[in-house]
Each structure stands twice: as structure tokens, then as C-alpha cells.
């Protein structure tokens, strides 16, 4: 039997990080470092890396469409 629960909203919870640290170390209070990959914002037309606050690509002029946050 499998579970179909979506637990993504719990990923940034302090209690989840504390439980994960305990599982890894066997000690309470151990803080793990969870790295999250951050994709750079790219132009949809020419694929160059863009600054965070631009509305149009400086290279080709394509309107920047921000990706949906997960």
C-alpha cells in the first residue's frame, strides 16, 4: 500500500529538519544542512542567464516569464 499525500509544504518545517538530524546522527539537537538547488533565471528565447528583476531580456528583447514556485 502506498501513500498519496503531498508533503512538499512540510519541507521547510523546523520539526522535519530536527527529525532528519536525529535520524542521521542519533543525537538530539543535531542540525543538518539541506542544500536546495537554485536554477538561474533564463531567457525563454536565447537562453542567457538573466538578473532577478528584469521584465525583458537585454539580449533578444523577449518578455521574461517567471516560473511557478513549487
PDB file of N, CA and C in Angstrom:
ATOM      1  N   UNK A   1       0.839  -1.167   0.000  1.00  0.00           N
ATOM      2  CA  UNK A   1       0.000   0.000   0.000  1.00  0.00           C
ATOM      3  C   UNK A   1       0.894   1.243   0.000  1.00  0.00           C
ATOM      4  N   UNK A   2       0.529   2.236  -0.768  1.00  0.00           N
ATOM      5  CA  UNK A   2       1.328   3.456  -0.835  1.00  0.00           C
ATOM      6  C   UNK A   2       0.494   4.658  -0.415  1.00  0.00           C
ATOM      7  N   UNK A   3       1.173   5.722  -0.083  1.00  0.00           N
ATOM      8  CA  UNK A   3       0.517   6.947   0.344  1.00  0.00           C
ATOM      9  C   UNK A   3       0.581   7.965  -0.785  1.00  0.00           C
ATOM     10  N   UNK A   4      -0.495   8.708  -0.963  1.00  0.00           N
ATOM     11  CA  UNK A   4      -0.539   9.740  -1.995  1.00  0.00           C
ATOM     12  C   UNK A   4      -0.570  11.129  -1.392  1.00  0.00           C
ATOM     13  N   UNK A   5      -0.023  11.275  -0.219  1.00  0.00           N
ATOM     14  CA  UNK A   5      -0.020  12.575   0.448  1.00  0.00           C
ATOM     15  C   UNK A   5       1.081  13.457  -0.111  1.00  0.00           C
ATOM     16  N   UNK A   6       0.745  14.723  -0.320  1.00  0.00           N
ATOM     17  CA  UNK A   6       1.715  15.700  -0.805  1.00  0.00           C
ATOM     18  C   UNK A   6       2.335  16.381   0.411  1.00  0.00           C
ATOM     19  N   UNK A   7       3.602  16.105   0.677  1.00  0.00           N
ATOM     20  CA  UNK A   7       4.275  16.633   1.866  1.00  0.00           C
ATOM     21  C   UNK A   7       5.253  17.752   1.541  1.00  0.00           C
ATOM     22  N   UNK A   8       5.178  18.308   0.348  1.00  0.00           N
ATOM     23  CA  UNK A   8       6.124  19.364  -0.027  1.00  0.00           C
ATOM     24  C   UNK A   8       6.021  20.583   0.860  1.00  0.00           C
ATOM     25  N   UNK A   9       4.842  20.876   1.383  1.00  0.00           N
ATOM     26  CA  UNK A   9       4.682  22.048   2.246  1.00  0.00           C
ATOM     27  C   UNK A   9       5.398  21.872   3.588  1.00  0.00           C
ATOM     28  N   UNK A  10       5.728  20.654   3.943  1.00  0.00           N
ATOM     29  CA  UNK A  10       6.407  20.374   5.201  1.00  0.00           C
ATOM     30  C   UNK A  10       7.931  20.427   5.088  1.00  0.00           C
ATOM     31  N   UNK A  11       8.454  20.598   3.878  1.00  0.00           N
ATOM     32  CA  UNK A  11       9.899  20.527   3.655  1.00  0.00           C
ATOM     33  C   UNK A  11      10.689  21.565   4.435  1.00  0.00           C
ATOM     34  N   UNK A  12      10.133  22.731   4.662  1.00  0.00           N
ATOM     35  CA  UNK A  12      10.868  23.800   5.344  1.00  0.00           C
ATOM     36  C   UNK A  12      10.549  23.872   6.829  1.00  0.00           C
ATOM     37  N   UNK A  13       9.872  22.878   7.359  1.00  0.00           N
ATOM     38  CA  UNK A  13       9.486  22.855   8.759  1.00  0.00           C
ATOM     39  C   UNK A  13      10.701  22.555   9.650  1.00  0.00           C
ATOM     40  N   UNK A  14      10.798  23.258  10.774  1.00  0.00           N
ATOM     41  CA  UNK A  14      11.891  23.025  11.727  1.00  0.00           C
ATOM     42  C   UNK A  14      11.818  21.628  12.333  1.00  0.00           C
ATOM     43  N   UNK A  15      10.604  21.140  12.565  1.00  0.00           N
ATOM     44  CA  UNK A  15      10.469  19.807  13.168  1.00  0.00           C
ATOM     45  C   UNK A  15      10.942  18.712  12.212  1.00  0.00           C
ATOM     46  N   UNK A  16      10.750  18.903  10.925  1.00  0.00           N
ATOM     47  CA  UNK A  16      11.241  17.929   9.941  1.00  0.00           C
ATOM     48  C   UNK A  16      12.768  17.942   9.915  1.00  0.00           C
ATOM     49  N   UNK A  17      13.374  19.123   9.938  1.00  0.00           N
ATOM     50  CA  UNK A  17      14.832  19.226   9.945  1.00  0.00           C
ATOM     51  C   UNK A  17      15.411  18.609  11.220  1.00  0.00           C
ATOM     52  N   UNK A  18      14.732  18.815  12.350  1.00  0.00           N
ATOM     53  CA  UNK A  18      15.198  18.243  13.616  1.00  0.00           C
ATOM     54  C   UNK A  18      15.105  16.711  13.585  1.00  0.00           C
ATOM     55  N   UNK A  19      14.014  16.176  13.065  1.00  0.00           N
ATOM     56  CA  UNK A  19      13.848  14.721  12.970  1.00  0.00           C
ATOM     57  C   UNK A  19      14.877  14.115  12.025  1.00  0.00           C
ATOM     58  N   UNK A  20      15.131  14.790  10.920  1.00  0.00           N
ATOM     59  CA  UNK A  20      16.123  14.304   9.970  1.00  0.00           C
ATOM     60  C   UNK A  20      17.521  14.314  10.591  1.00  0.00           C
ATOM     61  N   UNK A  21      17.839  15.356  11.346  1.00  0.00           N
ATOM     62  CA  UNK A  21      19.120  15.431  12.038  1.00  0.00           C
ATOM     63  C   UNK A  21      19.281  14.314  13.056  1.00  0.00           C
ATOM     64  N   UNK A  22      18.195  13.992  13.756  1.00  0.00           N
ATOM     65  CA  UNK A  22      18.240  12.903  14.734  1.00  0.00           C
ATOM     66  C   UNK A  22      18.454  11.557  14.038  1.00  0.00           C
ATOM     67  N   UNK A  23      17.791  11.368  12.897  1.00  0.00           N
ATOM     68  CA  UNK A  23      17.972  10.121  12.144  1.00  0.00           C
ATOM     69  C   UNK A  23      19.411   9.953  11.664  1.00  0.00           C
ATOM     70  N   UNK A  24      20.031  11.047  11.244  1.00  0.00           N
ATOM     71  CA  UNK A  24      21.399  10.971  10.734  1.00  0.00           C
ATOM     72  C   UNK A  24      22.437  10.782  11.836  1.00  0.00           C
ATOM     73  N   UNK A  25      22.273  11.488  12.937  1.00  0.00           N
ATOM     74  CA  UNK A  25      23.322  11.484  13.959  1.00  0.00           C
ATOM     75  C   UNK A  25      23.024  10.595  15.167  1.00  0.00           C
ATOM     76  N   UNK A  26      21.752  10.356  15.438  1.00  0.00           N
ATOM     77  CA  UNK A  26      21.381   9.623  16.635  1.00  0.00           C
ATOM     78  C   UNK A  26      21.364  10.500  17.868  1.00  0.00           C
ATOM     79  N   UNK A  27      21.551  11.809  17.683  1.00  0.00           N
ATOM     80  CA  UNK A  27      21.578  12.759  18.802  1.00  0.00           C
ATOM     81  C   UNK A  27      20.529  13.835  18.594  1.00  0.00           C
ATOM     82  N   UNK A  28      19.941  14.296  19.669  1.00  0.00           N
ATOM     83  CA  UNK A  28      19.000  15.413  19.573  1.00  0.00           C
ATOM     84  C   UNK A  28      19.773  16.714  19.425  1.00  0.00           C
ATOM     85  N   UNK A  29      19.198  17.658  18.709  1.00  0.00           N
ATOM     86  CA  UNK A  29      19.807  18.965  18.545  1.00  0.00           C
ATOM     87  C   UNK A  29      20.791  19.058  17.391  1.00  0.00           C
ATOM     88  N   UNK A  30      21.012  17.965  16.667  1.00  0.00           N
ATOM     89  CA  UNK A  30      21.933  17.986  15.526  1.00  0.00           C
ATOM     90  C   UNK A  30      21.248  18.681  14.364  1.00  0.00           C
ATOM     91  N   UNK A  31      21.875  19.699  13.823  1.00  0.00           N
ATOM     92  CA  UNK A  31      21.305  20.446  12.706  1.00  0.00           C
ATOM     93  C   UNK A  31      21.964  20.011  11.402  1.00  0.00           C
ATOM     94  N   UNK A  32      21.176  19.533  10.488  1.00  0.00           N
ATOM     95  CA  UNK A  32      21.698  19.151   9.182  1.00  0.00           C
ATOM     96  C   UNK A  32      21.629  20.332   8.234  1.00  0.00           C
ATOM     97  N   UNK A  33      22.473  20.324   7.249  1.00  0.00           N
ATOM     98  CA  UNK A  33      22.436  21.340   6.205  1.00  0.00           C
ATOM     99  C   UNK A  33      21.792  20.696   4.992  1.00  0.00           C
ATOM    100  N   UNK A  34      20.634  21.215   4.614  1.00  0.00           N
ATOM    101  CA  UNK A  34      19.913  20.683   3.467  1.00  0.00           C
ATOM    102  C   UNK A  34      20.090  21.681   2.334  1.00  0.00           C
ATOM    103  N   UNK A  35      20.820  21.265   1.314  1.00  0.00           N
ATOM    104  CA  UNK A  35      21.062  22.146   0.174  1.00  0.00           C
ATOM    105  C   UNK A  35      19.914  22.020  -0.814  1.00  0.00           C
ATOM    106  N   UNK A  36      19.518  23.134  -1.341  1.00  0.00           N
ATOM    107  CA  UNK A  36      18.474  23.150  -2.353  1.00  0.00           C
ATOM    108  C   UNK A  36      19.049  23.777  -3.613  1.00  0.00           C
ATOM    109  N   UNK A  37      18.864  23.099  -4.710  1.00  0.00           N
ATOM    110  CA  UNK A  37      19.389  23.586  -5.983  1.00  0.00           C
ATOM    111  C   UNK A  37      18.562  24.781  -6.448  1.00  0.00           C
ATOM    112  N   UNK A  38      19.240  25.856  -6.789  1.00  0.00           N
ATOM    113  CA  UNK A  38      18.578  27.055  -7.276  1.00  0.00           C
ATOM    114  C   UNK A  38      18.939  27.223  -8.748  1.00  0.00           C
ATOM    115  N   UNK A  39      17.936  27.115  -9.583  1.00  0.00           N
ATOM    116  CA  UNK A  39      18.146  27.279 -11.014  1.00  0.00           C
ATOM    117  C   UNK A  39      18.177  28.773 -11.349  1.00  0.00           C
ATOM    118  N   UNK A  40      19.144  29.207 -12.155  1.00  0.00           N
ATOM    119  CA  UNK A  40      19.171  30.617 -12.545  1.00  0.00           C
ATOM    120  C   UNK A  40      18.026  30.927 -13.509  1.00  0.00           C
ATOM    121  N   UNK A  41      17.564  32.158 -13.491  1.00  0.00           N
ATOM    122  CA  UNK A  41      16.508  32.597 -14.396  1.00  0.00           C
ATOM    123  C   UNK A  41      17.096  32.747 -15.792  1.00  0.00           C
ATOM    124  N   UNK A  42      16.499  32.068 -16.767  1.00  0.00           N
ATOM    125  CA  UNK A  42      16.989  32.110 -18.144  1.00  0.00           C
ATOM    126  C   UNK A  42      15.919  32.664 -19.074  1.00  0.00           C
ATOM    127  N   UNK A  43      16.380  33.290 -20.135  1.00  0.00           N
ATOM    128  CA  UNK A  43      15.501  33.823 -21.165  1.00  0.00           C
ATOM    129  C   UNK A  43      14.866  32.667 -21.928  1.00  0.00           C
ATOM    130  N   UNK A  44      13.578  32.775 -22.237  1.00  0.00           N
ATOM    131  CA  UNK A  44      12.892  31.745 -23.000  1.00  0.00           C
ATOM    132  C   UNK A  44      13.280  31.746 -24.470  1.00  0.00           C
ATOM    133  N   UNK A  45      13.832  32.855 -24.950  1.00  0.00           N
ATOM    134  CA  UNK A  45      14.201  32.948 -26.351  1.00  0.00           C
ATOM    135  C   UNK A  45      15.637  32.557 -26.629  1.00  0.00           C
ATOM    136  N   UNK A  46      16.590  33.228 -25.967  1.00  0.00           N
ATOM    137  CA  UNK A  46      18.005  32.999 -26.281  1.00  0.00           C
ATOM    138  C   UNK A  46      18.746  32.215 -25.202  1.00  0.00           C
ATOM    139  N   UNK A  47      18.064  31.905 -24.085  1.00  0.00           N
ATOM    140  CA  UNK A  47      18.591  31.049 -23.011  1.00  0.00           C
ATOM    141  C   UNK A  47      19.754  31.634 -22.216  1.00  0.00           C
ATOM    142  N   UNK A  48      19.995  32.953 -22.275  1.00  0.00           N
ATOM    143  CA  UNK A  48      21.053  33.527 -21.450  1.00  0.00           C
ATOM    144  C   UNK A  48      20.546  33.673 -20.014  1.00  0.00           C
ATOM    145  N   UNK A  49      21.456  33.733 -19.057  1.00  0.00           N
ATOM    146  CA  UNK A  49      21.099  33.913 -17.654  1.00  0.00           C
ATOM    147  C   UNK A  49      20.731  35.373 -17.438  1.00  0.00           C
ATOM    148  N   UNK A  50      19.583  35.590 -16.772  1.00  0.00           N
ATOM    149  CA  UNK A  50      19.068  36.938 -16.547  1.00  0.00           C
ATOM    150  C   UNK A  50      19.185  37.337 -15.082  1.00  0.00           C
ATOM    151  N   UNK A  51      19.122  38.641 -14.835  1.00  0.00           N
ATOM    152  CA  UNK A  51      19.050  39.149 -13.475  1.00  0.00           C
ATOM    153  C   UNK A  51      17.657  38.854 -12.935  1.00  0.00           C
ATOM    154  N   UNK A  52      17.492  38.886 -11.613  1.00  0.00           N
ATOM    155  CA  UNK A  52      16.217  38.514 -11.000  1.00  0.00           C
ATOM    156  C   UNK A  52      15.072  39.487 -11.267  1.00  0.00           C
ATOM    157  N   UNK A  53      15.361  40.743 -11.464  1.00  0.00           N
ATOM    158  CA  UNK A  53      14.287  41.729 -11.502  1.00  0.00           C
ATOM    159  C   UNK A  53      14.025  42.330 -12.887  1.00  0.00           C
ATOM    160  N   UNK A  54      14.396  41.648 -13.963  1.00  0.00           N
ATOM    161  CA  UNK A  54      14.166  42.195 -15.294  1.00  0.00           C
ATOM    162  C   UNK A  54      12.839  41.692 -15.852  1.00  0.00           C
ATOM    163  N   UNK A  55      12.240  42.507 -16.721  1.00  0.00           N
ATOM    164  CA  UNK A  55      10.975  42.129 -17.341  1.00  0.00           C
ATOM    165  C   UNK A  55      11.170  41.702 -18.786  1.00  0.00           C
ATOM    166  N   UNK A  56      12.280  42.142 -19.391  1.00  0.00           N
ATOM    167  CA  UNK A  56      12.589  41.784 -20.769  1.00  0.00           C
ATOM    168  C   UNK A  56      14.062  41.413 -20.871  1.00  0.00           C
ATOM    169  N   UNK A  57      14.374  40.490 -21.750  1.00  0.00           N
ATOM    170  CA  UNK A  57      15.756  40.068 -21.973  1.00  0.00           C
ATOM    171  C   UNK A  57      16.539  41.203 -22.620  1.00  0.00           C
ATOM    172  N   UNK A  58      17.713  41.497 -22.097  1.00  0.00           N
ATOM    173  CA  UNK A  58      18.529  42.580 -22.652  1.00  0.00           C
ATOM    174  C   UNK A  58      19.208  42.156 -23.961  1.00  0.00           C
ATOM    175  N   UNK A  59      19.265  40.859 -24.219  1.00  0.00           N
ATOM    176  CA  UNK A  59      19.923  40.349 -25.421  1.00  0.00           C
ATOM    177  C   UNK A  59      18.971  40.295 -26.615  1.00  0.00           C
ATOM    178  N   UNK A  60      17.780  39.690 -26.421  1.00  0.00           N
ATOM    179  CA  UNK A  60      16.878  39.489 -27.555  1.00  0.00           C
ATOM    180  C   UNK A  60      15.532  40.203 -27.405  1.00  0.00           C
ATOM    181  N   UNK A  61      15.240  40.751 -26.217  1.00  0.00           N
ATOM    182  CA  UNK A  61      14.011  41.506 -26.019  1.00  0.00           C
ATOM    183  C   UNK A  61      12.789  40.673 -25.666  1.00  0.00           C
ATOM    184  N   UNK A  62      12.958  39.380 -25.474  1.00  0.00           N
ATOM    185  CA  UNK A  62      11.836  38.516 -25.122  1.00  0.00           C
ATOM    186  C   UNK A  62      11.322  38.859 -23.732  1.00  0.00           C
ATOM    187  N   UNK A  63       9.980  38.868 -23.570  1.00  0.00           N
ATOM    188  CA  UNK A  63       9.391  39.126 -22.263  1.00  0.00           C
ATOM    189  C   UNK A  63       9.722  37.964 -21.331  1.00  0.00           C
ATOM    190  N   UNK A  64      10.148  38.282 -20.106  1.00  0.00           N
ATOM    191  CA  UNK A  64      10.535  37.271 -19.128  1.00  0.00           C
ATOM    192  C   UNK A  64       9.281  36.726 -18.456  1.00  0.00           C
ATOM    193  N   UNK A  65       9.135  35.407 -18.471  1.00  0.00           N
ATOM    194  CA  UNK A  65       8.045  34.732 -17.789  1.00  0.00           C
ATOM    195  C   UNK A  65       8.629  33.997 -16.606  1.00  0.00           C
ATOM    196  N   UNK A  66       8.216  34.383 -15.404  1.00  0.00           N
ATOM    197  CA  UNK A  66       8.759  33.750 -14.197  1.00  0.00           C
ATOM    198  C   UNK A  66       8.160  32.365 -14.009  1.00  0.00           C
ATOM    199  N   UNK A  67       8.995  31.391 -13.642  1.00  0.00           N
ATOM    200  CA  UNK A  67       8.484  30.033 -13.422  1.00  0.00           C
ATOM    201  C   UNK A  67       7.640  29.981 -12.151  1.00  0.00           C
ATOM    202  N   UNK A  68       6.715  29.032 -12.097  1.00  0.00           N
ATOM    203  CA  UNK A  68       5.879  28.860 -10.905  1.00  0.00           C
ATOM    204  C   UNK A  68       6.717  28.288  -9.786  1.00  0.00           C
ATOM    205  N   UNK A  69       6.485  28.772  -8.566  1.00  0.00           N
ATOM    206  CA  UNK A  69       7.204  28.247  -7.397  1.00  0.00           C
ATOM    207  C   UNK A  69       6.584  26.931  -7.000  1.00  0.00           C
ATOM    208  N   UNK A  70       7.451  25.982  -6.650  1.00  0.00           N
ATOM    209  CA  UNK A  70       6.967  24.659  -6.247  1.00  0.00           C
ATOM    210  C   UNK A  70       6.798  24.591  -4.763  1.00  0.00           C
TER     211      UNK A  70
END
